[in-house]
Amino acid sequence: MIDSSNICLACGLCCDGTLIGFVQLGQEELPRLKEIMEIEDVNGQGFFLHPCDKYCNGCTIYSERPKHCASFKCGLLKSVEQKELGFESATEIINVVKQKKIAIERQLAILKINLKSQSFYFKMVELKKWLHKNTSAAASTQDHLELTSELNQLDSLLSEKFNLSLN
């Protein structure tokens, strides 16, 4: 039998910075986590940005991961747990998201749009602002139109299947 938590291990979209841009940490977990990963600490409030440096085709600190990571459940996971969606269907959705991400990154390279963020999530937020600001440029070429279309499709998919949005 396939455990629904395996969908997380098959996915990794939250850890690699596709779905989430950062993780807020509780004060009580800061000392322990500072020993195993790089943490930003602002006035006693800790967080780390995605992509998580402890994610490499899977979580390398799974048994010691932050509380927020352990308790996070995207809409896709909830659908699998509630048996509204099978494991294979969920992995197909994950693969579509990964392909959309690759297509967007390819279009960014073709168009030479340099975004400052490391996290794919924050890159997409930055890209949405750039497209809004540069609407005439974004509507001028087929590559810009394809990028906009891929971004809109990804945002729709994340909203519909993961209950998350690139805002």
C-alpha atoms as a PDB file:
ATOM      1  CA  MET A   1       0.000   0.000   0.000  1.00  0.00           C
ATOM      2  CA  ILE A   2       1.244   3.469  -0.853  1.00  0.00           C
ATOM      3  CA  ASP A   3       1.311   5.904   2.055  1.00  0.00           C
ATOM      4  CA  SER A   4       0.000   9.366   1.119  1.00  0.00           C
ATOM      5  CA  SER A   5       3.099  10.962   2.632  1.00  0.00           C
ATOM      6  CA  ASN A   6       5.062   9.388  -0.228  1.00  0.00           C
ATOM      7  CA  ILE A   7       3.449  11.933  -2.525  1.00  0.00           C
ATOM      8  CA  CYS A   8       5.536  14.546  -0.705  1.00  0.00           C
ATOM      9  CA  LEU A   9       8.690  12.540  -1.220  1.00  0.00           C
ATOM     10  CA  ALA A  10       7.808  12.139  -4.905  1.00  0.00           C
ATOM     11  CA  CYS A  11       7.038  15.830  -5.235  1.00  0.00           C
ATOM     12  CA  GLY A  12       9.367  18.250  -3.448  1.00  0.00           C
ATOM     13  CA  LEU A  13       7.741  21.303  -5.055  1.00  0.00           C
ATOM     14  CA  CYS A  14       7.419  23.056  -1.708  1.00  0.00           C
ATOM     15  CA  CYS A  15      11.064  22.396  -0.764  1.00  0.00           C
ATOM     16  CA  ASP A  16      12.564  23.325  -4.128  1.00  0.00           C
ATOM     17  CA  GLY A  17      10.967  26.767  -4.034  1.00  0.00           C
ATOM     18  CA  THR A  18       8.217  26.200  -6.608  1.00  0.00           C
ATOM     19  CA  LEU A  19       5.228  26.422  -4.266  1.00  0.00           C
ATOM     20  CA  ILE A  20       6.635  28.312  -1.283  1.00  0.00           C
ATOM     21  CA  GLY A  21       9.200  31.092  -1.001  1.00  0.00           C
ATOM     22  CA  PHE A  22      10.230  30.738   2.636  1.00  0.00           C
ATOM     23  CA  VAL A  23       9.574  28.898   5.895  1.00  0.00           C
ATOM     24  CA  GLN A  24       8.940  30.718   9.162  1.00  0.00           C
ATOM     25  CA  LEU A  25      10.489  29.035  12.187  1.00  0.00           C
ATOM     26  CA  GLY A  26       9.412  28.942  15.786  1.00  0.00           C
ATOM     27  CA  GLN A  27      11.779  30.457  18.370  1.00  0.00           C
ATOM     28  CA  GLU A  28      12.033  27.141  20.188  1.00  0.00           C
ATOM     29  CA  GLU A  29      13.418  25.377  17.110  1.00  0.00           C
ATOM     30  CA  LEU A  30      16.005  28.029  16.153  1.00  0.00           C
ATOM     31  CA  PRO A  31      18.936  26.695  18.250  1.00  0.00           C
ATOM     32  CA  ARG A  32      18.519  23.138  16.949  1.00  0.00           C
ATOM     33  CA  LEU A  33      18.019  24.159  13.327  1.00  0.00           C
ATOM     34  CA  LYS A  34      20.919  26.628  13.332  1.00  0.00           C
ATOM     35  CA  GLU A  35      23.161  23.614  13.936  1.00  0.00           C
ATOM     36  CA  ILE A  36      22.042  21.840  10.772  1.00  0.00           C
ATOM     37  CA  MET A  37      21.102  24.570   8.296  1.00  0.00           C
ATOM     38  CA  GLU A  38      21.535  28.210   7.408  1.00  0.00           C
ATOM     39  CA  ILE A  39      18.870  30.305   9.122  1.00  0.00           C
ATOM     40  CA  GLU A  40      18.046  33.975   8.742  1.00  0.00           C
ATOM     41  CA  ASP A  41      17.478  35.487  12.187  1.00  0.00           C
ATOM     42  CA  VAL A  42      15.780  38.856  12.465  1.00  0.00           C
ATOM     43  CA  ASN A  43      15.076  39.979  16.038  1.00  0.00           C
ATOM     44  CA  GLY A  44      14.665  36.421  17.264  1.00  0.00           C
ATOM     45  CA  GLN A  45      12.382  35.493  14.375  1.00  0.00           C
ATOM     46  CA  GLY A  46      13.950  32.804  12.228  1.00  0.00           C
ATOM     47  CA  PHE A  47      13.218  31.754   8.683  1.00  0.00           C
ATOM     48  CA  PHE A  48      14.915  30.289   5.664  1.00  0.00           C
ATOM     49  CA  LEU A  49      14.384  30.950   2.004  1.00  0.00           C
ATOM     50  CA  HIS A  50      13.618  28.341  -0.600  1.00  0.00           C
ATOM     51  CA  PRO A  51      14.977  26.440  -2.319  1.00  0.00           C
ATOM     52  CA  CYS A  52      15.901  24.695   0.917  1.00  0.00           C
ATOM     53  CA  ASP A  53      19.596  23.891   1.015  1.00  0.00           C
ATOM     54  CA  LYS A  54      18.710  20.581   2.703  1.00  0.00           C
ATOM     55  CA  TYR A  55      16.644  19.412  -0.265  1.00  0.00           C
ATOM     56  CA  CYS A  56      18.430  17.332  -2.884  1.00  0.00           C
ATOM     57  CA  ASN A  57      15.994  14.989  -4.635  1.00  0.00           C
ATOM     58  CA  GLY A  58      14.468  14.563  -1.193  1.00  0.00           C
ATOM     59  CA  CYS A  59      14.745  16.064   2.261  1.00  0.00           C
ATOM     60  CA  THR A  60      18.114  15.298   3.795  1.00  0.00           C
ATOM     61  CA  ILE A  61      16.930  16.351   7.284  1.00  0.00           C
ATOM     62  CA  TYR A  62      13.476  14.734   7.149  1.00  0.00           C
ATOM     63  CA  SER A  63      13.503  13.467  10.756  1.00  0.00           C
ATOM     64  CA  GLU A  64      14.760  16.859  11.996  1.00  0.00           C
ATOM     65  CA  ARG A  65      12.829  19.130   9.614  1.00  0.00           C
ATOM     66  CA  PRO A  66      11.146  22.296  10.925  1.00  0.00           C
ATOM     67  CA  LYS A  67       7.650  22.050  12.397  1.00  0.00           C
ATOM     68  CA  HIS A  68       6.209  24.140   9.571  1.00  0.00           C
ATOM     69  CA  CYS A  69       7.608  21.721   7.000  1.00  0.00           C
ATOM     70  CA  ALA A  70       6.263  18.707   8.904  1.00  0.00           C
ATOM     71  CA  SER A  71       2.783  20.184   9.234  1.00  0.00           C
ATOM     72  CA  PHE A  72       2.427  21.711   5.752  1.00  0.00           C
ATOM     73  CA  LYS A  73      -0.201  20.060   3.576  1.00  0.00           C
ATOM     74  CA  CYS A  74      -0.894  21.381   0.112  1.00  0.00           C
ATOM     75  CA  GLY A  75      -4.216  20.763  -1.592  1.00  0.00           C
ATOM     76  CA  LEU A  76      -2.752  17.934  -3.664  1.00  0.00           C
ATOM     77  CA  LEU A  77      -1.646  16.032  -0.559  1.00  0.00           C
ATOM     78  CA  LYS A  78      -5.036  16.588   1.067  1.00  0.00           C
ATOM     79  CA  SER A  79      -6.756  15.240  -2.064  1.00  0.00           C
ATOM     80  CA  VAL A  80      -4.593  12.097  -1.939  1.00  0.00           C
ATOM     81  CA  GLU A  81      -5.182  11.644   1.798  1.00  0.00           C
ATOM     82  CA  GLN A  82      -8.947  12.031   1.325  1.00  0.00           C
ATOM     83  CA  LYS A  83      -8.790   9.523  -1.547  1.00  0.00           C
ATOM     84  CA  GLU A  84     -10.198  12.075  -3.973  1.00  0.00           C
ATOM     85  CA  LEU A  85      -7.093  11.585  -6.088  1.00  0.00           C
ATOM     86  CA  GLY A  86      -4.925   8.525  -6.607  1.00  0.00           C
ATOM     87  CA  PHE A  87      -1.146   8.459  -6.251  1.00  0.00           C
ATOM     88  CA  GLU A  88      -0.577   8.070 -10.005  1.00  0.00           C
ATOM     89  CA  SER A  89      -2.882  10.988 -10.844  1.00  0.00           C
ATOM     90  CA  ALA A  90      -1.134  13.135  -8.248  1.00  0.00           C
ATOM     91  CA  THR A  91       2.300  12.315  -9.637  1.00  0.00           C
ATOM     92  CA  GLU A  92       1.050  13.186 -13.140  1.00  0.00           C
ATOM     93  CA  ILE A  93      -0.017  16.614 -11.845  1.00  0.00           C
ATOM     94  CA  ILE A  94       3.377  17.050 -10.164  1.00  0.00           C
ATOM     95  CA  ASN A  95       5.112  16.192 -13.440  1.00  0.00           C
ATOM     96  CA  VAL A  96       2.985  18.720 -15.339  1.00  0.00           C
ATOM     97  CA  VAL A  97       3.977  21.414 -12.823  1.00  0.00           C
ATOM     98  CA  LYS A  98       7.645  20.463 -13.181  1.00  0.00           C
ATOM     99  CA  GLN A  99       7.351  20.655 -16.991  1.00  0.00           C
ATOM    100  CA  LYS A 100       5.654  24.080 -16.757  1.00  0.00           C
ATOM    101  CA  LYS A 101       8.489  25.243 -14.509  1.00  0.00           C
ATOM    102  CA  ILE A 102      11.081  24.048 -17.036  1.00  0.00           C
ATOM    103  CA  ALA A 103       9.188  25.752 -19.884  1.00  0.00           C
ATOM    104  CA  ILE A 104       9.032  29.031 -17.973  1.00  0.00           C
ATOM    105  CA  GLU A 105      12.723  28.915 -17.097  1.00  0.00           C
ATOM    106  CA  ARG A 106      13.522  28.181 -20.759  1.00  0.00           C
ATOM    107  CA  GLN A 107      11.432  31.183 -21.895  1.00  0.00           C
ATOM    108  CA  LEU A 108      13.139  33.405 -19.316  1.00  0.00           C
ATOM    109  CA  ALA A 109      16.519  32.386 -20.739  1.00  0.00           C
ATOM    110  CA  ILE A 110      15.391  32.952 -24.354  1.00  0.00           C
ATOM    111  CA  LEU A 111      14.025  36.386 -23.486  1.00  0.00           C
ATOM    112  CA  LYS A 112      17.042  37.190 -21.302  1.00  0.00           C
ATOM    113  CA  ILE A 113      14.813  38.310 -18.455  1.00  0.00           C
ATOM    114  CA  ASN A 114      17.053  38.418 -15.404  1.00  0.00           C
ATOM    115  CA  LEU A 115      15.201  37.984 -12.148  1.00  0.00           C
ATOM    116  CA  LYS A 116      16.963  38.532  -8.841  1.00  0.00           C
ATOM    117  CA  SER A 117      15.217  35.919  -6.703  1.00  0.00           C
ATOM    118  CA  GLN A 118      16.701  32.476  -6.080  1.00  0.00           C
ATOM    119  CA  SER A 119      13.380  30.848  -5.287  1.00  0.00           C
ATOM    120  CA  PHE A 120      11.217  29.938  -8.266  1.00  0.00           C
ATOM    121  CA  TYR A 121       8.198  31.130  -6.254  1.00  0.00           C
ATOM    122  CA  PHE A 122       9.657  34.620  -5.784  1.00  0.00           C
ATOM    123  CA  LYS A 123      10.923  34.651  -9.378  1.00  0.00           C
ATOM    124  CA  MET A 124       7.343  34.156 -10.537  1.00  0.00           C
ATOM    125  CA  VAL A 125       6.106  36.937  -8.259  1.00  0.00           C
ATOM    126  CA  GLU A 126       8.863  39.147  -9.681  1.00  0.00           C
ATOM    127  CA  LEU A 127       8.000  38.044 -13.245  1.00  0.00           C
ATOM    128  CA  LYS A 128       4.320  38.895 -12.788  1.00  0.00           C
ATOM    129  CA  LYS A 129       5.316  42.406 -11.699  1.00  0.00           C
ATOM    130  CA  TRP A 130       7.727  42.698 -14.642  1.00  0.00           C
ATOM    131  CA  LEU A 131       5.056  41.571 -17.128  1.00  0.00           C
ATOM    132  CA  HIS A 132       2.534  43.998 -15.653  1.00  0.00           C
ATOM    133  CA  LYS A 133       5.037  46.846 -15.829  1.00  0.00           C
ATOM    134  CA  ASN A 134       6.172  45.925 -19.362  1.00  0.00           C
ATOM    135  CA  THR A 135       2.815  45.063 -20.894  1.00  0.00           C
ATOM    136  CA  SER A 136       3.681  46.450 -24.325  1.00  0.00           C
ATOM    137  CA  ALA A 137       6.915  44.422 -24.480  1.00  0.00           C
ATOM    138  CA  ALA A 138       5.174  41.334 -23.115  1.00  0.00           C
ATOM    139  CA  ALA A 139       2.548  41.496 -25.862  1.00  0.00           C
ATOM    140  CA  SER A 140       5.010  42.206 -28.657  1.00  0.00           C
ATOM    141  CA  THR A 141       6.600  38.828 -29.376  1.00  0.00           C
ATOM    142  CA  GLN A 142       5.516  35.218 -29.571  1.00  0.00           C
ATOM    143  CA  ASP A 143       8.093  34.306 -26.903  1.00  0.00           C
ATOM    144  CA  HIS A 144       6.591  36.845 -24.486  1.00  0.00           C
ATOM    145  CA  LEU A 145       3.105  35.535 -25.218  1.00  0.00           C
ATOM    146  CA  GLU A 146       4.247  31.945 -24.619  1.00  0.00           C
ATOM    147  CA  LEU A 147       5.863  32.956 -21.335  1.00  0.00           C
ATOM    148  CA  THR A 148       2.710  34.721 -20.192  1.00  0.00           C
ATOM    149  CA  SER A 149       0.601  31.729 -21.199  1.00  0.00           C
ATOM    150  CA  GLU A 150       2.869  29.252 -19.366  1.00  0.00           C
ATOM    151  CA  LEU A 151       2.844  31.446 -16.257  1.00  0.00           C
ATOM    152  CA  ASN A 152      -0.953  31.732 -16.309  1.00  0.00           C
ATOM    153  CA  GLN A 153      -1.343  27.980 -16.827  1.00  0.00           C
ATOM    154  CA  LEU A 154       1.036  27.262 -13.956  1.00  0.00           C
ATOM    155  CA  ASP A 155      -0.725  29.693 -11.643  1.00  0.00           C
ATOM    156  CA  SER A 156      -4.096  28.144 -12.534  1.00  0.00           C
ATOM    157  CA  LEU A 157      -2.783  24.622 -11.938  1.00  0.00           C
ATOM    158  CA  LEU A 158      -1.268  25.575  -8.577  1.00  0.00           C
ATOM    159  CA  SER A 159      -4.465  27.279  -7.521  1.00  0.00           C
ATOM    160  CA  GLU A 160      -6.721  24.443  -8.645  1.00  0.00           C
ATOM    161  CA  LYS A 161      -4.674  21.412  -7.567  1.00  0.00           C
ATOM    162  CA  PHE A 162      -2.458  22.692  -4.727  1.00  0.00           C
ATOM    163  CA  ASN A 163      -4.690  25.461  -3.310  1.00  0.00           C
ATOM    164  CA  LEU A 164      -1.752  27.843  -3.679  1.00  0.00           C
ATOM    165  CA  SER A 165      -1.076  30.813  -5.924  1.00  0.00           C
ATOM    166  CA  LEU A 166       1.951  32.721  -7.181  1.00  0.00           C
ATOM    167  CA  ASN A 167       0.995  36.077  -5.685  1.00  0.00           C
END
